[in-house]
Amino acid sequence: MTISSLEPPRDCPLCPRLAAFRAQCRAEFPDWWNAPVPAWGDAEAWLAVVGLAPGKHGANRTGRPFTGDYAGELLYATLAKFGLSRGKFDARPDDGLALSGAVILNAVKCLPPENKPVPAEIHACRPFLEAQLAALPKLRVVVALGQIAHQSAVKALGGKLPKAKFAHGAEHRLPSGLVLIDSYHCSRYNQNTGRLNAAMFEAVFAHAITHRPPAA
């Protein structure tokens, strides 16, 4: 089973509120992606980055995670700095960028109003995250961007939240042996308020790189 075969349908009905918002966006912006955003990256990834949900003018518009919004600028610059991508990021799904050793997923695959999924929506989407993480044969490390992504990743990987509390830079060893590392989300809000800066974000990936498997 490949990661790409484990996506929800384009008209996924599991979350009525998100389906209604999707229909509203399709009517307003018919040329946008306006559908669940698929995981994207290297099928042989050792590192998975788990975000929250698509941004309205980012992945919901372009169909590729973190592509077309402010958060993606820092994320893709950081992946490039640590040798986890090839090509140049130009904020377009056809820019020729490819990830190397990394894959990007979201805790919630559809755009939520005000970028805030409700608990039932996070729960409904978790089986997709769980199945896709399980389908990565070389996975060693998961970087969770923000508390909701952290909670979903812990549960998807069989961990227990009381034993794995979210904190920027924290490392958690999960029952499967996988490592989960937390980061504040690279959102425009967190960057503009100084909660997260490039050095802090890069430190998370420098930490993750210490768990990279040796070259074959």
Protein backbone atom coordinates (compact mmCIF):
# COMPACT_ATOMS: atom_id res chain seq x y z
CA MET A 1 0.00 0.00 0.00
CA THR A 2 1.54 3.30 -1.08
CA ILE A 3 1.05 6.62 0.66
CA SER A 4 -0.66 8.08 -2.42
CA SER A 5 -3.27 5.31 -2.45
CA LEU A 6 -4.41 6.22 1.07
CA GLU A 7 -5.90 9.64 0.33
CA PRO A 8 -9.53 10.54 1.00
CA PRO A 9 -11.77 11.10 -2.05
CA ARG A 10 -11.87 14.55 -3.60
CA ASP A 11 -15.40 15.03 -2.27
CA CYS A 12 -14.76 13.45 1.13
CA PRO A 13 -18.03 13.69 3.14
CA LEU A 14 -16.70 12.81 6.60
CA CYS A 15 -16.84 16.35 8.01
CA PRO A 16 -20.05 18.20 7.02
CA ARG A 17 -18.73 21.61 8.06
CA LEU A 18 -15.56 21.21 6.02
CA ALA A 19 -17.48 19.81 3.05
CA ALA A 20 -19.79 22.83 3.11
CA PHE A 21 -16.84 25.21 3.31
CA ARG A 22 -15.19 23.34 0.43
CA ALA A 23 -18.32 23.85 -1.68
CA GLN A 24 -18.35 27.54 -0.79
CA CYS A 25 -14.72 27.91 -1.86
CA ARG A 26 -15.37 26.05 -5.11
CA ALA A 27 -18.17 28.45 -5.93
CA GLU A 28 -16.04 31.47 -5.06
CA PHE A 29 -12.73 30.27 -6.51
CA PRO A 30 -13.49 27.61 -9.15
CA ASP A 31 -9.89 27.51 -10.42
CA TRP A 32 -8.43 26.56 -7.04
CA TRP A 33 -7.67 23.03 -5.80
CA ASN A 34 -10.50 23.13 -3.20
CA ALA A 35 -10.22 19.50 -2.06
CA PRO A 36 -8.40 17.39 0.52
CA VAL A 37 -4.70 18.14 0.11
CA PRO A 38 -2.63 15.00 -0.41
CA ALA A 39 0.59 14.15 1.34
CA TRP A 40 3.59 15.20 -0.71
CA GLY A 41 7.22 14.19 -0.82
CA ASP A 42 9.52 11.19 -0.95
CA ALA A 43 7.87 7.76 -0.65
CA GLU A 44 11.15 6.56 0.91
CA ALA A 45 11.18 9.39 3.47
CA TRP A 46 12.86 8.89 6.82
CA LEU A 47 11.42 12.22 8.04
CA ALA A 48 7.74 13.20 8.06
CA VAL A 49 6.60 16.76 8.74
CA VAL A 50 3.04 16.97 10.07
CA GLY A 51 1.24 20.29 9.77
CA LEU A 52 -2.18 21.38 10.95
CA ALA A 53 -4.38 21.85 7.87
CA PRO A 54 -4.28 23.51 4.44
CA GLY A 55 -4.20 27.30 4.35
CA LYS A 56 -6.91 28.96 2.28
CA HIS A 57 -4.55 30.81 -0.07
CA GLY A 58 -1.83 28.19 0.25
CA ALA A 59 -2.43 24.46 -0.14
CA ASN A 60 -6.20 24.81 -0.58
CA ARG A 61 -5.45 26.98 -3.60
CA THR A 62 -2.46 25.12 -5.05
CA GLY A 63 -3.03 21.52 -3.95
CA ARG A 64 0.47 21.09 -2.47
CA PRO A 65 1.19 21.35 1.27
CA PHE A 66 2.58 24.73 2.42
CA THR A 67 2.69 26.04 -1.15
CA GLY A 68 1.53 29.60 -1.76
CA ASP A 69 1.36 30.88 1.80
CA TYR A 70 3.73 32.55 4.25
CA ALA A 71 4.36 29.44 6.34
CA GLY A 72 5.76 27.58 3.36
CA GLU A 73 8.53 30.10 2.80
CA LEU A 74 10.26 29.18 6.06
CA LEU A 75 9.45 25.48 5.86
CA TYR A 76 10.83 24.94 2.37
CA ALA A 77 13.86 27.17 3.00
CA THR A 78 14.65 25.05 6.04
CA LEU A 79 14.20 21.75 4.20
CA ALA A 80 16.56 23.02 1.52
CA LYS A 81 19.15 24.11 4.08
CA PHE A 82 19.29 20.60 5.52
CA GLY A 83 19.48 18.83 2.16
CA LEU A 84 15.90 17.56 2.27
CA SER A 85 14.86 18.97 -1.08
CA ARG A 86 16.09 19.30 -4.66
CA GLY A 87 15.34 22.17 -7.00
CA LYS A 88 14.08 25.65 -6.22
CA PHE A 89 10.91 26.40 -4.29
CA ASP A 90 8.86 28.96 -6.20
CA ALA A 91 5.53 28.60 -4.33
CA ARG A 92 3.92 26.76 -7.26
CA PRO A 93 3.10 23.05 -7.49
CA ASP A 94 4.82 22.96 -10.91
CA ASP A 95 8.03 24.66 -9.75
CA GLY A 96 10.03 21.44 -10.10
CA LEU A 97 10.81 21.15 -6.39
CA ALA A 98 11.17 17.62 -5.01
CA LEU A 99 11.70 16.43 -1.47
CA SER A 100 14.52 14.03 -0.66
CA GLY A 101 14.15 11.88 2.46
CA ALA A 102 11.16 13.91 3.64
CA VAL A 103 7.40 13.97 3.23
CA ILE A 104 4.78 16.52 4.34
CA LEU A 105 1.34 15.61 5.69
CA ASN A 106 -1.40 17.43 7.59
CA ALA A 107 -3.42 16.43 10.64
CA VAL A 108 -6.51 17.65 8.77
CA LYS A 109 -6.57 17.39 4.99
CA CYS A 110 -9.32 19.92 4.22
CA LEU A 111 -9.41 23.66 4.74
CA PRO A 112 -11.16 24.56 8.02
CA PRO A 113 -12.90 27.91 8.50
CA GLU A 114 -10.56 30.41 10.20
CA ASN A 115 -7.82 27.73 10.08
CA LYS A 116 -9.40 26.09 13.14
CA PRO A 117 -10.58 22.49 12.84
CA VAL A 118 -12.86 21.25 15.59
CA PRO A 119 -12.02 18.08 17.57
CA ALA A 120 -14.48 15.90 15.63
CA GLU A 121 -12.79 16.89 12.36
CA ILE A 122 -9.32 16.18 13.70
CA HIS A 123 -10.54 12.78 14.88
CA ALA A 124 -12.26 11.99 11.56
CA CYS A 125 -9.10 12.72 9.58
CA ARG A 126 -6.68 10.87 11.87
CA PRO A 127 -7.10 7.47 10.15
CA PHE A 128 -5.63 8.97 6.98
CA LEU A 129 -2.63 10.30 8.89
CA GLU A 130 -2.20 7.00 10.71
CA ALA A 131 -2.36 4.93 7.53
CA GLN A 132 0.00 7.18 5.60
CA LEU A 133 2.60 7.28 8.35
CA ALA A 134 2.39 3.48 8.57
CA ALA A 135 2.95 3.23 4.81
CA LEU A 136 6.36 4.92 4.98
CA PRO A 137 8.79 1.99 5.21
CA LYS A 138 11.86 4.02 6.16
CA LEU A 139 10.24 6.48 8.56
CA ARG A 140 12.32 7.30 11.64
CA VAL A 141 11.41 10.84 12.70
CA VAL A 142 8.23 12.92 12.74
CA VAL A 143 8.34 16.70 13.18
CA ALA A 144 5.00 18.05 14.43
CA LEU A 145 4.21 21.68 13.68
CA GLY A 146 2.06 22.93 16.53
CA GLN A 147 0.06 21.34 19.30
CA ILE A 148 -2.78 19.89 17.22
CA ALA A 149 -0.32 18.24 14.83
CA HIS A 150 1.57 16.95 17.88
CA GLN A 151 -1.55 15.45 19.42
CA SER A 152 -2.62 13.81 16.16
CA ALA A 153 0.84 12.43 15.48
CA VAL A 154 1.18 10.98 18.99
CA LYS A 155 -2.18 9.24 18.69
CA ALA A 156 -1.56 8.10 15.11
CA LEU A 157 1.75 6.55 16.17
CA GLY A 158 0.36 4.75 19.21
CA GLY A 159 1.69 7.05 21.91
CA LYS A 160 0.01 8.50 24.99
CA LEU A 161 -0.49 12.24 25.34
CA PRO A 162 0.10 12.46 29.11
CA LYS A 163 3.55 11.02 28.49
CA ALA A 164 4.28 13.20 25.47
CA LYS A 165 3.59 16.84 26.27
CA PHE A 166 4.00 19.42 23.54
CA ALA A 167 6.92 21.83 23.84
CA HIS A 168 8.99 23.49 21.17
CA GLY A 169 12.09 21.37 20.55
CA ALA A 170 10.91 18.49 22.74
CA GLU A 171 11.78 14.94 21.65
CA HIS A 172 9.47 12.02 22.37
CA ARG A 173 10.34 8.37 21.82
CA LEU A 174 7.15 6.55 20.84
CA PRO A 175 6.30 2.88 21.45
CA SER A 176 7.11 2.00 17.84
CA GLY A 177 10.61 3.36 18.28
CA LEU A 178 9.92 6.39 16.12
CA VAL A 179 11.06 9.80 17.33
CA LEU A 180 8.64 12.74 17.47
CA ILE A 181 10.08 16.25 17.68
CA ASP A 182 7.86 19.26 18.34
CA SER A 183 8.01 22.73 16.83
CA TYR A 184 5.85 25.78 17.01
CA HIS A 185 3.97 26.07 13.74
CA CYS A 186 5.73 28.20 11.12
CA SER A 187 2.60 30.33 10.64
CA ARG A 188 2.73 34.00 9.76
CA TYR A 189 1.24 34.78 13.19
CA ASN A 190 3.94 32.90 15.10
CA GLN A 191 6.71 34.45 13.03
CA ASN A 192 5.32 37.99 13.23
CA THR A 193 4.83 37.81 16.99
CA GLY A 194 8.33 36.43 17.57
CA ARG A 195 7.10 33.17 19.03
CA LEU A 196 9.07 31.39 16.33
CA ASN A 197 12.05 32.61 14.33
CA ALA A 198 14.19 30.97 11.66
CA ALA A 199 16.92 29.97 14.12
CA MET A 200 14.43 28.25 16.41
CA PHE A 201 12.84 26.42 13.48
CA GLU A 202 16.17 25.36 12.04
CA ALA A 203 17.21 24.01 15.44
CA VAL A 204 14.31 21.55 15.31
CA PHE A 205 15.48 20.19 11.95
CA ALA A 206 19.12 20.12 13.08
CA HIS A 207 17.88 17.93 15.94
CA ALA A 208 15.93 15.73 13.52
CA ILE A 209 18.99 15.31 11.29
CA THR A 210 20.86 13.64 14.16
CA HIS A 211 18.48 10.70 13.70
CA ARG A 212 18.99 10.46 9.93
CA PRO A 213 19.87 6.91 8.86
CA PRO A 214 23.40 6.38 7.51
CA ALA A 215 23.82 6.55 3.76
CA ALA A 216 23.60 3.19 2.05
